[in-house]
Amino acid sequence: MNFVSKAFLTCALLCAATPILHGQSNESAERLPRDILDVRPPSARVQGSPGNISIVDRSCRALPLEQVRRRIVDTAVQEWAYFGYSTDVQPREIVPQAPGPRRPFVYPRMTATEAERLASSIAGYWAATPNSDWIVQRQNAAWDEAGMGARWRDAWSAAFISWVMCEGGLADSGQFKRAIAHHSYIDQAIVASDTQDPVAAYRAYPLGTQTIVPGDLLCRGSRPAYRNIAERRAQLGVGARTHCDIVVSVDEAKQQVTVIGGNVRATVRMKIMPATRDGDLPLRPIADNGRALFAHLQLQAPAIEATALANSPSLACAPNEDMPLSLAQVATAKPTIGC
């Protein structure tokens, strides 16, 4: 990585910026050997090349709940590294949106080489969701028509979360309802919280009422733009455009919560969210890119350290000379050690 890229990422992670900062490395990391991190790559779930990809395996790993939280974090961090370490630092002050329709973000077109490299991984995410063959086939048609570099026609953020949970150890749909849309498992968590369901892995809580721990999920809505869980509870089972990210680190001193999500600006992306605290209550994230969060999905598993990101094998095992400056290195001044 060149000096400019490293300096940009350092600033993105340390500067008290008012706009949202976007950093992406020109490098990506290969996934770790399974004797270091026993995670089966999503590409192993599919066969064929772009234009002819098909799903061949939808199986999930079942693990004791006490092992799941760590695996969820480590799996998400490895995918973030594989996709190129892209990172957003979000502003502490929310800038009001101008009146009128929101201006759509223009996603950069991937190079054909990068699109081909990532195609089987994203298809593998879809393999972890039920009834998703038609989505992969529709994408095959898009590649045949537009060639490599075409964006995925269907948003794959819920598929990413579903695959992480599937590989993380939540095999039973009663624990986590893997789906092509986030609202399915959000609704499951709301009902689980209301009924004290002993099987469901996640329960939904209002922001700022429960301590956020790595492995939890933070969720927002865009259509509708839910302001709280009650508004979603009134629409249980109704389709909605929602999004959730996986918490990977919590910094109480800096009042920041770091998350990783899929299909965020067309990649697996890290976001560093500002947070606040109401009196003695737990940290409450302020917003996600100017949009209100409405739910904290808490994993019903033993807590791990708030700095779990820093201890992820994907960061600890990377050679110093090849690894971009990451949040873990900057926050902890921890050198990479190799594996």
C-alpha atoms as a PDB file:
ATOM      1  CA  MET A   1       0.000   0.000   0.000  1.00  0.00           C
ATOM      2  CA  ASN A   2       1.383   3.453  -0.885  1.00  0.00           C
ATOM      3  CA  PHE A   3       1.919   6.286   1.577  1.00  0.00           C
ATOM      4  CA  VAL A   4      -1.116   8.277   0.389  1.00  0.00           C
ATOM      5  CA  SER A   5      -3.489   5.358   0.985  1.00  0.00           C
ATOM      6  CA  LYS A   6      -2.055   4.728   4.442  1.00  0.00           C
ATOM      7  CA  ALA A   7      -2.240   8.392   5.383  1.00  0.00           C
ATOM      8  CA  PHE A   8      -5.855   8.588   4.212  1.00  0.00           C
ATOM      9  CA  LEU A   9      -6.912   5.592   6.276  1.00  0.00           C
ATOM     10  CA  THR A  10      -5.062   6.933   9.300  1.00  0.00           C
ATOM     11  CA  CYS A  11      -6.946  10.199   9.033  1.00  0.00           C
ATOM     12  CA  ALA A  12     -10.215   8.392   8.436  1.00  0.00           C
ATOM     13  CA  LEU A  13      -9.731   6.530  11.698  1.00  0.00           C
ATOM     14  CA  LEU A  14      -8.337   9.332  13.847  1.00  0.00           C
ATOM     15  CA  CYS A  15      -9.481  12.719  12.607  1.00  0.00           C
ATOM     16  CA  ALA A  16     -12.492  14.416  14.157  1.00  0.00           C
ATOM     17  CA  ALA A  17     -14.059  14.926  10.772  1.00  0.00           C
ATOM     18  CA  THR A  18     -17.318  16.677  10.081  1.00  0.00           C
ATOM     19  CA  PRO A  19     -18.113  15.063   6.714  1.00  0.00           C
ATOM     20  CA  ILE A  20     -18.259  11.315   6.292  1.00  0.00           C
ATOM     21  CA  LEU A  21     -14.842  10.054   5.298  1.00  0.00           C
ATOM     22  CA  HIS A  22     -14.436   7.156   2.928  1.00  0.00           C
ATOM     23  CA  GLY A  23     -11.281   5.079   2.753  1.00  0.00           C
ATOM     24  CA  GLN A  24     -10.573   1.990   0.720  1.00  0.00           C
ATOM     25  CA  SER A  25      -7.337   0.147   0.298  1.00  0.00           C
ATOM     26  CA  ASN A  26      -6.093  -0.821  -3.127  1.00  0.00           C
ATOM     27  CA  GLU A  27      -5.275  -4.176  -1.564  1.00  0.00           C
ATOM     28  CA  SER A  28      -7.346  -6.999  -0.183  1.00  0.00           C
ATOM     29  CA  ALA A  29      -6.464  -9.971   1.949  1.00  0.00           C
ATOM     30  CA  GLU A  30      -6.960 -13.591   1.053  1.00  0.00           C
ATOM     31  CA  ARG A  31      -9.004 -15.590   3.541  1.00  0.00           C
ATOM     32  CA  LEU A  32      -7.048 -17.357   6.241  1.00  0.00           C
ATOM     33  CA  PRO A  33      -6.241 -21.083   6.181  1.00  0.00           C
ATOM     34  CA  ARG A  34      -8.886 -23.052   8.046  1.00  0.00           C
ATOM     35  CA  ASP A  35      -6.365 -24.255  10.617  1.00  0.00           C
ATOM     36  CA  ILE A  36      -6.123 -20.602  11.729  1.00  0.00           C
ATOM     37  CA  LEU A  37      -9.773 -19.554  11.268  1.00  0.00           C
ATOM     38  CA  ASP A  38     -12.107 -22.450  10.601  1.00  0.00           C
ATOM     39  CA  VAL A  39     -14.533 -20.612   8.321  1.00  0.00           C
ATOM     40  CA  ARG A  40     -15.623 -22.206   5.085  1.00  0.00           C
ATOM     41  CA  PRO A  41     -15.512 -19.584   2.304  1.00  0.00           C
ATOM     42  CA  PRO A  42     -18.861 -18.632   0.783  1.00  0.00           C
ATOM     43  CA  SER A  43     -17.538 -19.506  -2.668  1.00  0.00           C
ATOM     44  CA  ALA A  44     -17.509 -23.178  -1.612  1.00  0.00           C
ATOM     45  CA  ARG A  45     -21.313 -23.103  -1.671  1.00  0.00           C
ATOM     46  CA  VAL A  46     -21.555 -22.489  -5.407  1.00  0.00           C
ATOM     47  CA  GLN A  47     -20.114 -23.819  -8.630  1.00  0.00           C
ATOM     48  CA  GLY A  48     -19.540 -22.427 -12.101  1.00  0.00           C
ATOM     49  CA  SER A  49     -18.330 -19.090 -13.397  1.00  0.00           C
ATOM     50  CA  PRO A  50     -20.224 -15.788 -13.706  1.00  0.00           C
ATOM     51  CA  GLY A  51     -23.069 -16.316 -16.134  1.00  0.00           C
ATOM     52  CA  ASN A  52     -23.339 -19.961 -15.100  1.00  0.00           C
ATOM     53  CA  ILE A  53     -23.150 -19.946 -11.275  1.00  0.00           C
ATOM     54  CA  SER A  54     -25.413 -22.303  -9.353  1.00  0.00           C
ATOM     55  CA  ILE A  55     -25.928 -23.017  -5.656  1.00  0.00           C
ATOM     56  CA  VAL A  56     -24.773 -26.477  -4.546  1.00  0.00           C
ATOM     57  CA  ASP A  57     -24.711 -26.261  -0.724  1.00  0.00           C
ATOM     58  CA  ARG A  58     -26.996 -24.512   1.766  1.00  0.00           C
ATOM     59  CA  SER A  59     -25.829 -26.286   4.920  1.00  0.00           C
ATOM     60  CA  CYS A  60     -25.071 -24.345   8.108  1.00  0.00           C
ATOM     61  CA  ARG A  61     -22.804 -25.015  11.030  1.00  0.00           C
ATOM     62  CA  ALA A  62     -24.429 -25.660  14.421  1.00  0.00           C
ATOM     63  CA  LEU A  63     -22.359 -24.604  17.434  1.00  0.00           C
ATOM     64  CA  PRO A  64     -22.968 -23.961  21.124  1.00  0.00           C
ATOM     65  CA  LEU A  65     -24.204 -20.426  21.677  1.00  0.00           C
ATOM     66  CA  GLU A  66     -21.189 -19.512  23.796  1.00  0.00           C
ATOM     67  CA  GLN A  67     -18.956 -19.945  20.716  1.00  0.00           C
ATOM     68  CA  VAL A  68     -21.133 -17.997  18.316  1.00  0.00           C
ATOM     69  CA  ARG A  69     -20.378 -14.388  19.235  1.00  0.00           C
ATOM     70  CA  ARG A  70     -16.632 -14.688  18.584  1.00  0.00           C
ATOM     71  CA  ARG A  71     -17.184 -16.533  15.302  1.00  0.00           C
ATOM     72  CA  ILE A  72     -19.635 -13.910  14.063  1.00  0.00           C
ATOM     73  CA  VAL A  73     -17.099 -11.128  14.633  1.00  0.00           C
ATOM     74  CA  ASP A  74     -14.122 -13.021  13.186  1.00  0.00           C
ATOM     75  CA  THR A  75     -16.107 -14.128  10.131  1.00  0.00           C
ATOM     76  CA  ALA A  76     -17.328 -10.605   9.378  1.00  0.00           C
ATOM     77  CA  VAL A  77     -13.832  -9.137   9.804  1.00  0.00           C
ATOM     78  CA  GLN A  78     -12.344 -11.693   7.420  1.00  0.00           C
ATOM     79  CA  GLU A  79     -14.882 -10.747   4.730  1.00  0.00           C
ATOM     80  CA  TRP A  80     -14.145  -7.046   5.282  1.00  0.00           C
ATOM     81  CA  ALA A  81     -10.461  -7.760   4.678  1.00  0.00           C
ATOM     82  CA  TYR A  82     -11.222  -9.928   1.632  1.00  0.00           C
ATOM     83  CA  PHE A  83     -13.269  -7.107   0.084  1.00  0.00           C
ATOM     84  CA  GLY A  84     -10.497  -4.544   0.566  1.00  0.00           C
ATOM     85  CA  TYR A  85     -10.733  -2.904   4.029  1.00  0.00           C
ATOM     86  CA  SER A  86     -13.157  -0.129   2.985  1.00  0.00           C
ATOM     87  CA  THR A  87     -14.031   2.121   5.924  1.00  0.00           C
ATOM     88  CA  ASP A  88     -16.357   5.051   6.653  1.00  0.00           C
ATOM     89  CA  VAL A  89     -15.957   7.357   9.636  1.00  0.00           C
ATOM     90  CA  GLN A  90     -19.300   9.024  10.206  1.00  0.00           C
ATOM     91  CA  PRO A  91     -19.758  12.555  11.538  1.00  0.00           C
ATOM     92  CA  ARG A  92     -20.816  13.205  15.112  1.00  0.00           C
ATOM     93  CA  GLU A  93     -23.069  16.023  13.989  1.00  0.00           C
ATOM     94  CA  ILE A  94     -25.941  14.957  11.755  1.00  0.00           C
ATOM     95  CA  VAL A  95     -26.290  17.231   8.717  1.00  0.00           C
ATOM     96  CA  PRO A  96     -29.995  17.774   7.893  1.00  0.00           C
ATOM     97  CA  GLN A  97     -31.000  16.549   4.461  1.00  0.00           C
ATOM     98  CA  ALA A  98     -32.043  19.164   1.925  1.00  0.00           C
ATOM     99  CA  PRO A  99     -35.777  19.290   1.110  1.00  0.00           C
ATOM    100  CA  GLY A 100     -36.961  17.137  -1.757  1.00  0.00           C
ATOM    101  CA  PRO A 101     -36.016  13.651  -2.915  1.00  0.00           C
ATOM    102  CA  ARG A 102     -32.766  12.227  -1.590  1.00  0.00           C
ATOM    103  CA  ARG A 103     -30.091  12.267  -4.256  1.00  0.00           C
ATOM    104  CA  PRO A 104     -29.144   8.689  -5.092  1.00  0.00           C
ATOM    105  CA  PHE A 105     -25.578   7.556  -4.530  1.00  0.00           C
ATOM    106  CA  VAL A 106     -23.846   6.618  -7.770  1.00  0.00           C
ATOM    107  CA  TYR A 107     -21.993   3.382  -7.127  1.00  0.00           C
ATOM    108  CA  PRO A 108     -18.634   3.011  -8.843  1.00  0.00           C
ATOM    109  CA  ARG A 109     -18.521   0.298 -11.445  1.00  0.00           C
ATOM    110  CA  MET A 110     -16.241  -2.575 -10.482  1.00  0.00           C
ATOM    111  CA  THR A 111     -13.505  -3.585 -12.811  1.00  0.00           C
ATOM    112  CA  ALA A 112     -14.202  -6.836 -14.598  1.00  0.00           C
ATOM    113  CA  THR A 113     -11.331  -8.469 -12.705  1.00  0.00           C
ATOM    114  CA  GLU A 114     -12.660  -7.437  -9.290  1.00  0.00           C
ATOM    115  CA  ALA A 115     -16.253  -8.338 -10.166  1.00  0.00           C
ATOM    116  CA  GLU A 116     -15.157 -11.788 -11.263  1.00  0.00           C
ATOM    117  CA  ARG A 117     -13.092 -12.256  -8.102  1.00  0.00           C
ATOM    118  CA  LEU A 118     -16.058 -11.424  -5.845  1.00  0.00           C
ATOM    119  CA  ALA A 119     -18.874 -13.040  -7.829  1.00  0.00           C
ATOM    120  CA  SER A 120     -18.723 -16.492  -6.249  1.00  0.00           C
ATOM    121  CA  SER A 121     -18.450 -15.018  -2.738  1.00  0.00           C
ATOM    122  CA  ILE A 122     -21.610 -12.929  -3.097  1.00  0.00           C
ATOM    123  CA  ALA A 123     -23.387 -15.867  -4.723  1.00  0.00           C
ATOM    124  CA  GLY A 124     -22.248 -17.927  -1.738  1.00  0.00           C
ATOM    125  CA  TYR A 125     -23.901 -15.430   0.612  1.00  0.00           C
ATOM    126  CA  TRP A 126     -27.156 -15.986  -1.251  1.00  0.00           C
ATOM    127  CA  ALA A 127     -26.721 -19.744  -0.781  1.00  0.00           C
ATOM    128  CA  ALA A 128     -27.249 -19.255   2.960  1.00  0.00           C
ATOM    129  CA  THR A 129     -30.761 -17.854   2.370  1.00  0.00           C
ATOM    130  CA  PRO A 130     -33.755 -20.057   1.500  1.00  0.00           C
ATOM    131  CA  ASN A 131     -35.376 -19.856  -1.933  1.00  0.00           C
ATOM    132  CA  SER A 132     -32.664 -17.713  -3.491  1.00  0.00           C
ATOM    133  CA  ASP A 133     -31.817 -19.694  -6.624  1.00  0.00           C
ATOM    134  CA  TRP A 134     -33.832 -17.288  -8.758  1.00  0.00           C
ATOM    135  CA  ILE A 135     -31.700 -14.375  -7.556  1.00  0.00           C
ATOM    136  CA  VAL A 136     -28.462 -16.064  -8.632  1.00  0.00           C
ATOM    137  CA  GLN A 137     -29.999 -17.015 -11.971  1.00  0.00           C
ATOM    138  CA  ARG A 138     -31.187 -13.440 -12.538  1.00  0.00           C
ATOM    139  CA  GLN A 139     -27.650 -12.253 -11.859  1.00  0.00           C
ATOM    140  CA  ASN A 140     -26.282 -14.780 -14.339  1.00  0.00           C
ATOM    141  CA  ALA A 141     -28.563 -13.208 -16.926  1.00  0.00           C
ATOM    142  CA  ALA A 142     -27.326  -9.730 -15.987  1.00  0.00           C
ATOM    143  CA  TRP A 143     -23.722 -10.817 -16.509  1.00  0.00           C
ATOM    144  CA  ASP A 144     -24.597 -12.380 -19.848  1.00  0.00           C
ATOM    145  CA  GLU A 145     -26.248  -9.143 -20.919  1.00  0.00           C
ATOM    146  CA  ALA A 146     -23.928  -6.489 -19.465  1.00  0.00           C
ATOM    147  CA  GLY A 147     -20.683  -8.388 -18.922  1.00  0.00           C
ATOM    148  CA  MET A 148     -18.489  -8.494 -15.846  1.00  0.00           C
ATOM    149  CA  GLY A 149     -18.550  -5.343 -13.798  1.00  0.00           C
ATOM    150  CA  ALA A 150     -22.342  -5.247 -13.688  1.00  0.00           C
ATOM    151  CA  ARG A 151     -23.630  -4.603 -10.172  1.00  0.00           C
ATOM    152  CA  TRP A 152     -25.708  -7.238  -8.455  1.00  0.00           C
ATOM    153  CA  ARG A 153     -29.323  -6.592  -9.391  1.00  0.00           C
ATOM    154  CA  ASP A 154     -30.581  -7.548  -5.935  1.00  0.00           C
ATOM    155  CA  ALA A 155     -29.328  -6.000  -2.702  1.00  0.00           C
ATOM    156  CA  TRP A 156     -27.273  -8.645  -0.894  1.00  0.00           C
ATOM    157  CA  SER A 157     -26.839  -7.111   2.572  1.00  0.00           C
ATOM    158  CA  ALA A 158     -29.325  -9.492   4.235  1.00  0.00           C
ATOM    159  CA  ALA A 159     -27.718 -12.402   2.413  1.00  0.00           C
ATOM    160  CA  PHE A 160     -24.360 -11.369   3.880  1.00  0.00           C
ATOM    161  CA  ILE A 161     -25.789 -11.292   7.415  1.00  0.00           C
ATOM    162  CA  SER A 162     -27.508 -14.645   6.817  1.00  0.00           C
ATOM    163  CA  TRP A 163     -24.265 -16.255   5.653  1.00  0.00           C
ATOM    164  CA  VAL A 164     -22.303 -14.897   8.639  1.00  0.00           C
ATOM    165  CA  MET A 165     -24.915 -16.334  11.005  1.00  0.00           C
ATOM    166  CA  CYS A 166     -25.009 -19.621   9.106  1.00  0.00           C
ATOM    167  CA  GLU A 167     -21.231 -19.986   9.219  1.00  0.00           C
ATOM    168  CA  GLY A 168     -21.133 -18.518  12.712  1.00  0.00           C
ATOM    169  CA  GLY A 169     -23.059 -21.439  14.206  1.00  0.00           C
ATOM    170  CA  LEU A 170     -26.753 -20.476  14.083  1.00  0.00           C
ATOM    171  CA  ALA A 171     -28.002 -23.333  11.915  1.00  0.00           C
ATOM    172  CA  ASP A 172     -31.540 -23.564  13.277  1.00  0.00           C
ATOM    173  CA  SER A 173     -34.022 -21.094  11.759  1.00  0.00           C
ATOM    174  CA  GLY A 174     -35.618 -20.922  15.205  1.00  0.00           C
ATOM    175  CA  GLN A 175     -32.376 -19.328  16.369  1.00  0.00           C
ATOM    176  CA  PHE A 176     -31.971 -17.010  13.389  1.00  0.00           C
ATOM    177  CA  LYS A 177     -34.342 -16.621  10.446  1.00  0.00           C
ATOM    178  CA  ARG A 178     -31.996 -16.400   7.479  1.00  0.00           C
ATOM    179  CA  ALA A 179     -33.697 -14.555   4.630  1.00  0.00           C
ATOM    180  CA  ILE A 180     -33.217 -12.391   1.568  1.00  0.00           C
ATOM    181  CA  ALA A 181     -34.541  -9.372   3.510  1.00  0.00           C
ATOM    182  CA  HIS A 182     -33.489  -8.044   6.918  1.00  0.00           C
ATOM    183  CA  HIS A 183     -37.006  -7.506   8.225  1.00  0.00           C
ATOM    184  CA  SER A 184     -37.546 -11.273   8.576  1.00  0.00           C
ATOM    185  CA  TYR A 185     -34.960 -11.696  11.328  1.00  0.00           C
ATOM    186  CA  ILE A 186     -35.679  -8.253  12.800  1.00  0.00           C
ATOM    187  CA  ASP A 187     -39.289  -9.337  13.294  1.00  0.00           C
ATOM    188  CA  GLN A 188     -38.098 -12.614  14.812  1.00  0.00           C
ATOM    189  CA  ALA A 189     -36.016 -10.663  17.340  1.00  0.00           C
ATOM    190  CA  ILE A 190     -38.916  -8.329  18.190  1.00  0.00           C
ATOM    191  CA  VAL A 191     -41.234 -11.263  18.842  1.00  0.00           C
ATOM    192  CA  ALA A 192     -38.493 -13.030  20.817  1.00  0.00           C
ATOM    193  CA  SER A 193     -38.100  -9.992  23.047  1.00  0.00           C
ATOM    194  CA  ASP A 194     -41.845  -9.680  23.544  1.00  0.00           C
ATOM    195  CA  THR A 195     -42.341 -13.376  24.361  1.00  0.00           C
ATOM    196  CA  GLN A 196     -38.982 -14.127  26.020  1.00  0.00           C
ATOM    197  CA  ASP A 197     -38.444 -16.860  23.417  1.00  0.00           C
ATOM    198  CA  PRO A 198     -35.719 -19.155  24.831  1.00  0.00           C
ATOM    199  CA  VAL A 199     -34.652 -20.414  21.375  1.00  0.00           C
ATOM    200  CA  ALA A 200     -34.177 -17.226  19.339  1.00  0.00           C
ATOM    201  CA  ALA A 201     -30.550 -16.070  19.335  1.00  0.00           C
ATOM    202  CA  TYR A 202     -31.383 -12.357  19.098  1.00  0.00           C
ATOM    203  CA  ARG A 203     -33.810 -10.116  20.949  1.00  0.00           C
ATOM    204  CA  ALA A 204     -34.694  -6.560  19.948  1.00  0.00           C
ATOM    205  CA  TYR A 205     -34.245  -3.612  22.296  1.00  0.00           C
ATOM    206  CA  PRO A 206     -34.523   0.167  21.956  1.00  0.00           C
ATOM    207  CA  LEU A 207     -31.180   1.855  21.403  1.00  0.00           C
ATOM    208  CA  GLY A 208     -29.423   2.963  24.546  1.00  0.00           C
ATOM    209  CA  THR A 209     -31.223   0.539  26.875  1.00  0.00           C
ATOM    210  CA  GLN A 210     -28.822  -2.418  26.652  1.00  0.00           C
ATOM    211  CA  THR A 211     -25.033  -2.565  26.482  1.00  0.00           C
ATOM    212  CA  ILE A 212     -23.840  -3.060  22.895  1.00  0.00           C
ATOM    213  CA  VAL A 213     -21.374  -5.934  22.551  1.00  0.00           C
ATOM    214  CA  PRO A 214     -19.479  -7.201  19.466  1.00  0.00           C
ATOM    215  CA  GLY A 215     -21.672  -9.763  17.724  1.00  0.00           C
ATOM    216  CA  ASP A 216     -24.843  -7.706  18.240  1.00  0.00           C
ATOM    217  CA  LEU A 217     -26.694  -6.094  15.312  1.00  0.00           C
ATOM    218  CA  LEU A 218     -27.729  -2.464  14.768  1.00  0.00           C
ATOM    219  CA  CYS A 219     -30.638  -1.831  12.396  1.00  0.00           C
ATOM    220  CA  ARG A 220     -32.240   1.032  10.526  1.00  0.00           C
ATOM    221  CA  GLY A 221     -35.150   1.415   8.146  1.00  0.00           C
ATOM    222  CA  SER A 222     -35.360   3.484   4.996  1.00  0.00           C
ATOM    223  CA  ARG A 223     -38.767   2.561   3.583  1.00  0.00           C
ATOM    224  CA  PRO A 224     -40.387   3.138   6.038  1.00  0.00           C
ATOM    225  CA  ALA A 225     -37.867   5.107   8.084  1.00  0.00           C
ATOM    226  CA  TYR A 226     -38.726   3.557  11.438  1.00  0.00           C
ATOM    227  CA  ARG A 227     -37.990   5.671  14.475  1.00  0.00           C
ATOM    228  CA  ASN A 228     -38.416   2.930  17.052  1.00  0.00           C
ATOM    229  CA  ILE A 229     -39.246  -0.730  17.523  1.00  0.00           C
ATOM    230  CA  ALA A 230     -42.909   0.036  18.199  1.00  0.00           C
ATOM    231  CA  GLU A 231     -43.330   1.346  14.661  1.00  0.00           C
ATOM    232  CA  ARG A 232     -41.942  -1.886  13.227  1.00  0.00           C
ATOM    233  CA  ARG A 233     -43.920  -4.013  15.696  1.00  0.00           C
ATOM    234  CA  ALA A 234     -47.091  -2.512  14.217  1.00  0.00           C
ATOM    235  CA  GLN A 235     -46.021  -3.844  10.796  1.00  0.00           C
ATOM    236  CA  LEU A 236     -44.697  -7.299  11.663  1.00  0.00           C
ATOM    237  CA  GLY A 237     -44.591  -9.512   8.589  1.00  0.00           C
ATOM    238  CA  VAL A 238     -44.936  -6.588   6.172  1.00  0.00           C
ATOM    239  CA  GLY A 239     -42.147  -6.068   3.649  1.00  0.00           C
ATOM    240  CA  ALA A 240     -39.844  -3.140   4.393  1.00  0.00           C
ATOM    241  CA  ARG A 241     -36.497  -1.845   3.216  1.00  0.00           C
ATOM    242  CA  THR A 242     -34.243  -2.245   6.228  1.00  0.00           C
ATOM    243  CA  HIS A 243     -30.550  -2.779   6.884  1.00  0.00           C
ATOM    244  CA  CYS A 244     -28.491  -4.199   9.758  1.00  0.00           C
ATOM    245  CA  ASP A 245     -24.760  -4.254  10.478  1.00  0.00           C
ATOM    246  CA  ILE A 246     -22.673  -6.462  12.773  1.00  0.00           C
ATOM    247  CA  VAL A 247     -20.987  -4.796  15.746  1.00  0.00           C
ATOM    248  CA  VAL A 248     -17.268  -5.626  15.862  1.00  0.00           C
ATOM    249  CA  SER A 249     -15.910  -3.084  18.378  1.00  0.00           C
ATOM    250  CA  VAL A 250     -17.176  -0.642  21.000  1.00  0.00           C
ATOM    251  CA  ASP A 251     -15.036   2.246  22.260  1.00  0.00           C
ATOM    252  CA  GLU A 252     -16.606   3.647  25.428  1.00  0.00           C
ATOM    253  CA  ALA A 253     -13.990   6.385  25.853  1.00  0.00           C
ATOM    254  CA  LYS A 254     -14.322   7.750  22.301  1.00  0.00           C
ATOM    255  CA  GLN A 255     -18.057   7.001  22.215  1.00  0.00           C
ATOM    256  CA  GLN A 256     -17.826   5.082  18.963  1.00  0.00           C
ATOM    257  CA  VAL A 257     -19.372   1.827  17.747  1.00  0.00           C
ATOM    258  CA  THR A 258     -17.712   0.042  14.831  1.00  0.00           C
ATOM    259  CA  VAL A 259     -19.815  -2.192  12.584  1.00  0.00           C
ATOM    260  CA  ILE A 260     -19.390  -4.238   9.398  1.00  0.00           C
ATOM    261  CA  GLY A 261     -22.142  -4.803   6.849  1.00  0.00           C
ATOM    262  CA  GLY A 262     -22.594  -6.209   3.378  1.00  0.00           C
ATOM    263  CA  ASN A 263     -23.613  -4.370   0.215  1.00  0.00           C
ATOM    264  CA  VAL A 264     -22.696  -1.042   1.823  1.00  0.00           C
ATOM    265  CA  ARG A 265     -21.739   1.034  -1.204  1.00  0.00           C
ATOM    266  CA  ALA A 266     -21.569  -2.263  -3.106  1.00  0.00           C
ATOM    267  CA  THR A 267     -18.945  -3.858  -0.842  1.00  0.00           C
ATOM    268  CA  VAL A 268     -18.400  -5.345   2.624  1.00  0.00           C
ATOM    269  CA  ARG A 269     -17.697  -2.162   4.523  1.00  0.00           C
ATOM    270  CA  MET A 270     -16.756  -1.018   8.004  1.00  0.00           C
ATOM    271  CA  LYS A 271     -18.544   1.974   9.504  1.00  0.00           C
ATOM    272  CA  ILE A 272     -17.403   3.830  12.599  1.00  0.00           C
ATOM    273  CA  MET A 273     -20.538   5.330  14.128  1.00  0.00           C
ATOM    274  CA  PRO A 274     -20.549   8.125  16.691  1.00  0.00           C
ATOM    275  CA  ALA A 275     -22.504   7.395  19.855  1.00  0.00           C
ATOM    276  CA  THR A 276     -23.761   9.262  22.874  1.00  0.00           C
ATOM    277  CA  ARG A 277     -24.951   8.374  26.354  1.00  0.00           C
ATOM    278  CA  ASP A 278     -28.085   9.517  28.156  1.00  0.00           C
ATOM    279  CA  GLY A 279     -27.059   9.856  31.783  1.00  0.00           C
ATOM    280  CA  ASP A 280     -25.840   6.529  33.109  1.00  0.00           C
ATOM    281  CA  LEU A 281     -27.476   4.522  30.322  1.00  0.00           C
ATOM    282  CA  PRO A 282     -25.427   2.475  27.805  1.00  0.00           C
ATOM    283  CA  LEU A 283     -23.986   3.986  24.643  1.00  0.00           C
ATOM    284  CA  ARG A 284     -26.531   4.889  21.986  1.00  0.00           C
ATOM    285  CA  PRO A 285     -25.359   5.235  18.342  1.00  0.00           C
ATOM    286  CA  ILE A 286     -26.468   8.580  16.970  1.00  0.00           C
ATOM    287  CA  ALA A 287     -27.276   7.561  13.396  1.00  0.00           C
ATOM    288  CA  ASP A 288     -26.111   5.590  10.378  1.00  0.00           C
ATOM    289  CA  ASN A 289     -24.993   7.961   7.629  1.00  0.00           C
ATOM    290  CA  GLY A 290     -27.585  10.507   8.704  1.00  0.00           C
ATOM    291  CA  ARG A 291     -30.374   7.940   8.953  1.00  0.00           C
ATOM    292  CA  ALA A 292     -31.891   6.991  12.267  1.00  0.00           C
ATOM    293  CA  LEU A 293     -31.268   3.564  13.756  1.00  0.00           C
ATOM    294  CA  PHE A 294     -34.306   2.000  15.369  1.00  0.00           C
ATOM    295  CA  ALA A 295     -33.255  -1.326  16.894  1.00  0.00           C
ATOM    296  CA  HIS A 296     -30.443  -3.003  18.777  1.00  0.00           C
ATOM    297  CA  LEU A 297     -30.583  -6.766  18.280  1.00  0.00           C
ATOM    298  CA  GLN A 298     -28.764  -8.291  21.223  1.00  0.00           C
ATOM    299  CA  LEU A 299     -27.237 -11.751  20.861  1.00  0.00           C
ATOM    300  CA  GLN A 300     -28.295 -13.958  23.756  1.00  0.00           C
ATOM    301  CA  ALA A 301     -24.785 -15.282  24.323  1.00  0.00           C
ATOM    302  CA  PRO A 302     -21.954 -14.513  26.753  1.00  0.00           C
ATOM    303  CA  ALA A 303     -20.229 -11.192  26.101  1.00  0.00           C
ATOM    304  CA  ILE A 304     -16.730 -10.919  24.661  1.00  0.00           C
ATOM    305  CA  GLU A 305     -14.281  -8.029  24.939  1.00  0.00           C
ATOM    306  CA  ALA A 306     -15.439  -4.718  23.477  1.00  0.00           C
ATOM    307  CA  THR A 307     -12.246  -4.583  21.360  1.00  0.00           C
ATOM    308  CA  ALA A 308     -12.891  -7.949  19.679  1.00  0.00           C
ATOM    309  CA  LEU A 309     -11.966  -6.449  16.294  1.00  0.00           C
ATOM    310  CA  ALA A 310      -8.386  -5.920  17.451  1.00  0.00           C
ATOM    311  CA  ASN A 311      -8.075  -9.608  18.319  1.00  0.00           C
ATOM    312  CA  SER A 312      -9.503 -10.964  15.083  1.00  0.00           C
ATOM    313  CA  PRO A 313      -7.154 -13.436  13.337  1.00  0.00           C
ATOM    314  CA  SER A 314      -7.585 -11.559  10.053  1.00  0.00           C
ATOM    315  CA  LEU A 315      -5.755  -8.598  11.597  1.00  0.00           C
ATOM    316  CA  ALA A 316      -3.353 -10.473  13.870  1.00  0.00           C
ATOM    317  CA  CYS A 317      -2.141 -12.762  11.080  1.00  0.00           C
ATOM    318  CA  ALA A 318      -1.546 -10.171   8.369  1.00  0.00           C
ATOM    319  CA  PRO A 319       2.085  -9.309   7.525  1.00  0.00           C
ATOM    320  CA  ASN A 320       2.956  -5.796   8.663  1.00  0.00           C
ATOM    321  CA  GLU A 321       4.174  -4.712   5.258  1.00  0.00           C
ATOM    322  CA  ASP A 322       1.000  -5.775   3.451  1.00  0.00           C
ATOM    323  CA  MET A 323      -1.685  -4.708   5.885  1.00  0.00           C
ATOM    324  CA  PRO A 324      -3.351  -1.285   5.606  1.00  0.00           C
ATOM    325  CA  LEU A 325      -3.582   0.806   8.735  1.00  0.00           C
ATOM    326  CA  SER A 326      -6.660  -0.575  10.411  1.00  0.00           C
ATOM    327  CA  LEU A 327      -8.843   0.534  13.253  1.00  0.00           C
ATOM    328  CA  ALA A 328      -7.364  -2.240  15.382  1.00  0.00           C
ATOM    329  CA  GLN A 329      -3.792  -1.079  14.851  1.00  0.00           C
ATOM    330  CA  VAL A 330      -4.578   2.576  15.369  1.00  0.00           C
ATOM    331  CA  ALA A 331      -6.794   2.060  18.421  1.00  0.00           C
ATOM    332  CA  THR A 332      -4.527  -0.350  20.236  1.00  0.00           C
ATOM    333  CA  ALA A 333      -1.055   0.273  18.734  1.00  0.00           C
ATOM    334  CA  LYS A 334      -0.894  -3.495  18.490  1.00  0.00           C
ATOM    335  CA  PRO A 335       1.621  -4.788  15.924  1.00  0.00           C
ATOM    336  CA  THR A 336       0.610  -7.601  13.647  1.00  0.00           C
ATOM    337  CA  ILE A 337       2.307 -10.782  14.729  1.00  0.00           C
ATOM    338  CA  GLY A 338       1.898 -13.225  11.864  1.00  0.00           C
ATOM    339  CA  CYS A 339       0.503 -16.729  12.197  1.00  0.00           C
END
